[in-house]
């Protein structure tokens, strides 16, 4: 998948790699209404099996969370593997406010996620 972002001043930078046939998307920057379309377009290129590395997220709003939940639900219904890693409360409070932090597959590290869903 292509690199997506305009360098160090970009509001959102997205990169991807593949580990054990699972696409790992590293997200750096802001996930909000201004970057939602960029995030959605990038995720549409990802494979069925997906790990989102959110350690570099500086802020997440409910619209971005909705997009993540959509991909999670699609994965559940199709039997694909899905996980989130590196989620920090201070930068993704909306996940806890909505109660989704208790339901989404959250892992501290990529290795933890791969061990759980691999």
Protein backbone atom coordinates (compact mmCIF):
# COMPACT_ATOMS: atom_id res chain seq x y z
CA UNK A 1 0.00 0.00 0.00
CA UNK A 2 1.26 3.51 -0.67
CA UNK A 3 2.54 5.92 1.93
CA UNK A 4 -0.15 8.49 2.69
CA UNK A 5 0.64 11.88 4.20
CA UNK A 6 2.45 15.09 3.42
CA UNK A 7 5.56 14.76 5.55
CA UNK A 8 6.20 15.87 9.11
CA UNK A 9 3.57 18.63 9.08
CA UNK A 10 0.74 16.36 7.92
CA UNK A 11 -2.23 16.01 10.26
CA UNK A 12 -2.26 12.27 9.55
CA UNK A 13 0.39 9.86 8.34
CA UNK A 14 -0.51 6.28 7.44
CA UNK A 15 1.91 3.47 6.60
CA UNK A 16 1.41 -0.24 6.28
CA UNK A 17 3.26 -3.53 6.35
CA UNK A 18 2.27 -7.17 6.29
CA UNK A 19 3.00 -9.64 9.09
CA UNK A 20 1.77 -13.25 8.80
CA UNK A 21 -0.75 -12.26 6.08
CA UNK A 22 -2.19 -9.52 8.32
CA UNK A 23 -2.03 -5.90 7.20
CA UNK A 24 -0.62 -3.69 9.94
CA UNK A 25 -1.54 -0.03 9.50
CA UNK A 26 0.48 2.42 11.58
CA UNK A 27 -1.45 5.60 12.30
CA UNK A 28 0.37 8.79 13.30
CA UNK A 29 -1.44 12.04 13.99
CA UNK A 30 -5.02 13.22 14.35
CA UNK A 31 -8.06 11.05 13.63
CA UNK A 32 -10.99 13.43 13.35
CA UNK A 33 -13.46 14.89 10.83
CA UNK A 34 -10.64 16.55 8.89
CA UNK A 35 -8.74 13.28 8.35
CA UNK A 36 -11.61 10.76 8.32
CA UNK A 37 -11.82 10.53 4.53
CA UNK A 38 -8.06 10.02 4.21
CA UNK A 39 -8.23 7.30 6.91
CA UNK A 40 -11.26 5.63 5.29
CA UNK A 41 -9.66 5.63 1.84
CA UNK A 42 -6.47 4.10 3.22
CA UNK A 43 -8.32 1.40 5.15
CA UNK A 44 -10.30 0.48 2.04
CA UNK A 45 -6.99 -0.65 0.51
CA UNK A 46 -6.11 -2.89 3.46
CA UNK A 47 -6.65 -6.64 3.36
CA UNK A 48 -9.33 -8.53 5.24
CA UNK A 49 -7.05 -9.23 8.22
CA UNK A 50 -6.13 -5.95 9.91
CA UNK A 51 -4.21 -4.63 12.89
CA UNK A 52 -4.36 -0.89 13.52
CA UNK A 53 -1.35 0.45 15.40
CA UNK A 54 -2.71 3.56 17.10
CA UNK A 55 0.32 4.33 19.28
CA UNK A 56 1.05 7.44 17.20
CA UNK A 57 -2.47 8.86 17.42
CA UNK A 58 -2.50 12.27 19.09
CA UNK A 59 -6.31 12.66 19.12
CA UNK A 60 -9.32 10.57 18.07
CA UNK A 61 -12.92 11.73 17.70
CA UNK A 62 -16.17 9.76 17.49
CA UNK A 63 -16.25 9.80 13.68
CA UNK A 64 -12.88 8.06 13.49
CA UNK A 65 -13.97 5.62 16.18
CA UNK A 66 -17.09 4.88 14.12
CA UNK A 67 -14.91 3.99 11.16
CA UNK A 68 -12.76 1.69 13.31
CA UNK A 69 -15.89 0.02 14.74
CA UNK A 70 -17.22 -0.48 11.20
CA UNK A 71 -14.03 -2.32 10.20
CA UNK A 72 -14.15 -4.38 13.40
CA UNK A 73 -17.77 -5.39 12.80
CA UNK A 74 -17.02 -6.24 9.15
CA UNK A 75 -14.13 -8.41 10.33
CA UNK A 76 -16.34 -10.19 12.87
CA UNK A 77 -19.03 -10.95 10.32
CA UNK A 78 -16.56 -12.24 7.72
CA UNK A 79 -14.39 -14.26 10.11
CA UNK A 80 -11.35 -12.03 9.50
CA UNK A 81 -8.78 -11.16 12.15
CA UNK A 82 -8.79 -7.63 13.63
CA UNK A 83 -6.97 -5.92 16.49
CA UNK A 84 -5.97 -2.53 17.81
CA UNK A 85 -2.59 -1.90 19.43
CA UNK A 86 -1.05 1.01 21.28
CA UNK A 87 -4.33 2.70 22.21
CA UNK A 88 -3.78 5.37 24.87
CA UNK A 89 -6.64 6.64 27.01
CA UNK A 90 -5.43 10.24 27.01
CA UNK A 91 -5.52 10.39 23.20
CA UNK A 92 -8.53 8.15 22.55
CA UNK A 93 -10.89 8.98 25.42
CA UNK A 94 -13.89 8.54 23.14
CA UNK A 95 -13.23 4.77 23.19
CA UNK A 96 -13.74 4.69 26.96
CA UNK A 97 -16.56 7.24 27.07
CA UNK A 98 -18.59 5.10 24.65
CA UNK A 99 -17.76 1.84 26.45
CA UNK A 100 -16.12 0.41 23.34
CA UNK A 101 -12.72 0.04 25.01
CA UNK A 102 -14.21 -2.92 26.90
CA UNK A 103 -15.47 -4.55 23.67
CA UNK A 104 -12.83 -3.83 21.02
CA UNK A 105 -9.84 -6.20 20.74
CA UNK A 106 -7.17 -3.96 22.34
CA UNK A 107 -3.57 -5.10 22.85
CA UNK A 108 -0.53 -3.31 24.24
CA UNK A 109 1.89 -4.40 21.51
CA UNK A 110 1.94 -5.80 18.01
CA UNK A 111 3.43 -9.04 19.35
CA UNK A 112 0.54 -9.37 21.83
CA UNK A 113 -2.01 -8.84 19.06
CA UNK A 114 -0.32 -11.30 16.71
CA UNK A 115 -0.17 -13.93 19.47
CA UNK A 116 -3.88 -13.45 20.21
CA UNK A 117 -5.29 -13.31 16.67
CA UNK A 118 -2.50 -14.90 14.60
